[in-house]
Amino acid sequence: MGAITGEESPVRSGSLWAVVFLCFASALHAQADKYSLYQLSGSYSWLSNSLDGVAGSHQPLNGWDAALECLRWHGLRFKFDVAGYEGTNLGAPQKPVFILAGGQFNHRFGRETAWVEGLFGDGSSSPNWLPNNNPGQTASFAAVAGGGLDTPLNKAFAIRVQADFQYSTFGVSVAKLPTTSPVYLNPVHGLPNDFARIATGLVWRF
């Protein structure tokens, strides 16, 4: 009479796994706010200018930013960041992507977490980003410095706002430069290297 039938066993097994899952989720939830090992964020991002945004033709770009922060040590985390933007300026498509890595230092006060970051890496773009679809360099060194503020929604999620200064070095593709094209040559000396970027989105801390 006390034997477990074949119909009862899966139910009990399923209940056991449900309890284990709830315990594991509760443990993660309890420690996520202050002791989380990882932070994963996704944000809308705004870049202050196009790659060919010379004086008089500044055109901001809209895009996205995704970041992973890990390896916490006394408020300092390693950060891996990828951002992509899209738009059109002076008749040319703008599709830069930046892949960066570096450090992020966090400081908590009350419920909020303020942080600063320094990142370095590479930028890439489609080739015909110069005015009138002329070819330019498709790779660039890139660096970012800035910071932000995380406001918790609960122990696992927070709203993030951030502002950064970004430096990159996209330039003319010299090998393909037509020597008798003033439309192509005139804006070369005014190509921007300094950008501002602003982002806002959600952070998952686990």
Protein backbone atom coordinates (compact mmCIF):
# COMPACT_ATOMS: atom_id res chain seq x y z
CA MET A 1 0.00 0.00 0.00
CA GLY A 2 2.93 2.31 0.69
CA ALA A 3 4.62 1.70 -2.66
CA ILE A 4 5.06 4.66 -4.98
CA THR A 5 3.22 4.11 -8.24
CA GLY A 6 4.50 5.08 -11.66
CA GLU A 7 1.94 7.92 -11.81
CA GLU A 8 2.98 9.47 -8.49
CA SER A 9 6.75 9.47 -9.04
CA PRO A 10 6.91 12.15 -11.79
CA VAL A 11 4.73 14.46 -9.71
CA ARG A 12 6.97 14.16 -6.67
CA SER A 13 10.06 14.51 -8.83
CA GLY A 14 8.65 17.63 -10.47
CA SER A 15 7.79 19.12 -7.09
CA LEU A 16 11.34 18.47 -5.84
CA TRP A 17 12.87 20.24 -8.82
CA ALA A 18 10.44 23.14 -8.36
CA VAL A 19 11.57 23.53 -4.74
CA VAL A 20 15.24 23.39 -5.77
CA PHE A 21 14.64 26.01 -8.46
CA LEU A 22 12.81 28.33 -6.09
CA CYS A 23 15.56 28.04 -3.49
CA PHE A 24 18.23 28.76 -6.09
CA ALA A 25 16.27 31.72 -7.49
CA SER A 26 15.70 33.09 -3.99
CA ALA A 27 19.41 32.85 -3.19
CA LEU A 28 20.28 34.75 -6.36
CA HIS A 29 17.61 37.33 -5.68
CA ALA A 30 18.80 37.87 -2.11
CA GLN A 31 22.40 38.55 -3.05
CA ALA A 32 21.93 40.26 -6.41
CA ASP A 33 21.57 43.80 -5.08
CA LYS A 34 24.84 44.06 -3.16
CA TYR A 35 26.89 40.98 -3.90
CA SER A 36 26.09 40.25 -7.54
CA LEU A 37 29.01 38.85 -9.47
CA TYR A 38 27.67 39.88 -12.85
CA GLN A 39 25.76 42.78 -14.37
CA LEU A 40 24.22 42.64 -17.83
CA SER A 41 22.80 45.81 -19.37
CA GLY A 42 20.96 46.76 -22.53
CA SER A 43 20.37 50.40 -23.45
CA TYR A 44 19.26 52.85 -26.08
CA SER A 45 22.32 54.92 -27.01
CA TRP A 46 22.75 58.31 -28.68
CA LEU A 47 26.00 59.39 -30.38
CA SER A 48 26.48 63.14 -30.78
CA ASN A 49 27.77 63.12 -34.38
CA SER A 50 28.22 61.06 -37.53
CA LEU A 51 31.61 59.77 -38.64
CA ASP A 52 31.56 62.33 -41.47
CA GLY A 53 29.92 65.04 -39.36
CA VAL A 54 32.05 67.99 -40.39
CA ALA A 55 31.32 71.55 -39.25
CA GLY A 56 27.88 72.59 -40.45
CA SER A 57 26.78 69.00 -41.01
CA HIS A 58 26.64 67.49 -37.53
CA GLN A 59 24.14 64.65 -37.46
CA PRO A 60 23.60 62.58 -34.28
CA LEU A 61 23.18 58.82 -34.57
CA ASN A 62 20.77 56.54 -32.72
CA GLY A 63 21.68 53.03 -31.66
CA TRP A 64 22.09 50.52 -28.87
CA ASP A 65 24.58 49.54 -26.22
CA ALA A 66 25.07 46.19 -24.46
CA ALA A 67 27.53 45.58 -21.64
CA LEU A 68 28.66 42.81 -19.31
CA GLU A 69 30.39 43.63 -16.02
CA CYS A 70 32.04 40.85 -14.03
CA LEU A 71 34.97 39.84 -11.78
CA ARG A 72 34.05 42.16 -8.91
CA TRP A 73 36.94 43.29 -6.66
CA HIS A 74 36.47 46.08 -4.11
CA GLY A 75 33.96 47.93 -6.28
CA LEU A 76 36.00 47.47 -9.45
CA ARG A 77 34.64 45.29 -12.26
CA PHE A 78 35.93 44.24 -15.65
CA LYS A 79 33.60 45.58 -18.33
CA PHE A 80 32.97 44.41 -21.90
CA ASP A 81 30.91 46.83 -23.98
CA VAL A 82 29.49 46.73 -27.53
CA ALA A 83 27.64 49.66 -29.12
CA GLY A 84 26.22 50.11 -32.61
CA TYR A 85 24.70 53.13 -34.36
CA GLU A 86 22.92 53.87 -37.61
CA GLY A 87 21.94 56.89 -39.66
CA THR A 88 22.68 58.93 -42.80
CA ASN A 89 24.72 62.10 -43.23
CA LEU A 90 25.83 64.01 -46.34
CA GLY A 91 24.38 61.27 -48.52
CA ALA A 92 26.38 58.49 -46.89
CA PRO A 93 25.25 55.64 -44.58
CA GLN A 94 26.64 55.72 -41.03
CA LYS A 95 26.86 52.30 -39.37
CA PRO A 96 29.69 52.33 -36.82
CA VAL A 97 30.11 49.56 -34.24
CA PHE A 98 32.43 49.85 -31.24
CA ILE A 99 33.79 46.89 -29.24
CA LEU A 100 35.45 47.99 -26.00
CA ALA A 101 36.80 46.57 -22.75
CA GLY A 102 38.18 48.03 -19.55
CA GLY A 103 37.21 48.79 -15.96
CA GLN A 104 34.18 50.13 -14.14
CA PHE A 105 34.37 51.38 -10.55
CA ASN A 106 31.13 51.33 -8.54
CA HIS A 107 30.21 53.24 -5.39
CA ARG A 108 26.94 52.72 -3.52
CA PHE A 109 25.17 55.45 -1.59
CA GLY A 110 21.78 54.52 -0.19
CA ARG A 111 19.90 52.56 -2.83
CA GLU A 112 21.74 54.12 -5.75
CA THR A 113 24.97 53.00 -7.39
CA ALA A 114 27.18 55.59 -9.10
CA TRP A 115 30.02 54.43 -11.33
CA VAL A 116 32.81 55.62 -13.60
CA GLU A 117 34.44 53.74 -16.47
CA GLY A 118 37.43 53.72 -18.76
CA LEU A 119 37.29 51.55 -21.90
CA PHE A 120 39.51 50.92 -24.92
CA GLY A 121 39.03 48.94 -28.10
CA ASP A 122 38.19 49.12 -31.79
CA GLY A 123 35.57 50.69 -33.99
CA SER A 124 34.42 49.41 -37.37
CA SER A 125 32.23 50.79 -40.13
CA SER A 126 30.96 50.04 -43.60
CA PRO A 127 33.42 51.44 -46.19
CA ASN A 128 31.38 54.16 -47.93
CA TRP A 129 30.70 56.47 -44.97
CA LEU A 130 32.39 59.62 -46.28
CA PRO A 131 30.27 62.32 -48.03
CA ASN A 132 28.53 61.16 -51.19
CA ASN A 133 29.33 57.50 -50.46
CA ASN A 134 33.08 57.92 -50.86
CA PRO A 135 35.21 55.25 -49.17
CA GLY A 136 36.86 55.78 -45.81
CA GLN A 137 38.77 53.73 -43.27
CA THR A 138 36.74 50.82 -41.93
CA ALA A 139 38.62 50.37 -38.62
CA SER A 140 39.64 52.74 -35.84
CA PHE A 141 41.09 52.84 -32.35
CA ALA A 142 38.43 53.89 -29.84
CA ALA A 143 38.41 54.98 -26.19
CA VAL A 144 35.58 55.87 -23.82
CA ALA A 145 35.58 57.63 -20.44
CA GLY A 146 32.52 58.52 -18.42
CA GLY A 147 30.09 57.28 -15.85
CA GLY A 148 26.51 56.77 -14.83
CA LEU A 149 23.92 56.03 -12.19
CA ASP A 150 21.93 52.85 -11.51
CA THR A 151 18.59 53.21 -9.71
CA PRO A 152 17.18 49.87 -8.50
CA LEU A 153 13.69 48.73 -9.43
CA ASN A 154 14.12 45.66 -7.20
CA LYS A 155 17.03 43.53 -6.03
CA ALA A 156 17.75 42.15 -9.48
CA PHE A 157 16.97 44.99 -11.89
CA ALA A 158 17.89 48.65 -12.11
CA ILE A 159 17.41 51.59 -14.46
CA ARG A 160 20.69 52.93 -15.85
CA VAL A 161 21.55 56.37 -17.20
CA GLN A 162 25.05 57.18 -18.39
CA ALA A 163 27.08 59.79 -20.24
CA ASP A 164 30.49 59.27 -21.86
CA PHE A 165 33.17 61.00 -23.87
CA GLN A 166 34.29 58.89 -26.84
CA TYR A 167 37.38 59.27 -29.01
CA SER A 168 37.88 57.51 -32.34
CA THR A 169 40.14 57.98 -35.35
CA PHE A 170 38.22 57.12 -38.51
CA GLY A 171 39.82 58.86 -41.47
CA VAL A 172 40.15 58.97 -45.23
CA SER A 173 40.99 55.81 -47.11
CA VAL A 174 44.17 57.24 -48.64
CA ALA A 175 44.68 54.46 -51.18
CA LYS A 176 41.33 55.25 -52.76
CA LEU A 177 41.48 59.02 -52.46
CA PRO A 178 40.69 60.76 -55.78
CA THR A 179 43.18 63.60 -56.09
CA THR A 180 40.86 65.83 -58.15
CA SER A 181 37.59 65.69 -56.22
CA PRO A 182 36.93 68.82 -54.09
CA VAL A 183 33.62 67.35 -52.91
CA TYR A 184 35.57 64.51 -51.36
CA LEU A 185 38.60 66.44 -50.21
CA ASN A 186 37.06 69.52 -48.59
CA PRO A 187 35.53 67.82 -45.50
CA VAL A 188 38.54 65.58 -44.80
CA HIS A 189 40.25 68.02 -42.43
CA GLY A 190 37.08 68.48 -40.40
CA LEU A 191 36.31 64.84 -39.66
CA PRO A 192 35.33 64.48 -35.98
CA ASN A 193 37.35 62.50 -33.47
CA ASP A 194 35.54 63.55 -30.29
CA PHE A 195 32.00 62.39 -29.53
CA ALA A 196 29.55 62.39 -26.65
CA ARG A 197 27.35 59.41 -26.07
CA ILE A 198 24.32 59.15 -23.79
CA ALA A 199 22.51 55.92 -22.96
CA THR A 200 19.64 54.71 -20.82
CA GLY A 201 18.28 51.23 -20.26
CA LEU A 202 18.00 48.30 -17.86
CA VAL A 203 20.61 46.42 -15.81
CA TRP A 204 20.17 42.82 -14.64
CA ARG A 205 22.33 42.02 -11.60
CA PHE A 206 22.88 38.34 -10.84
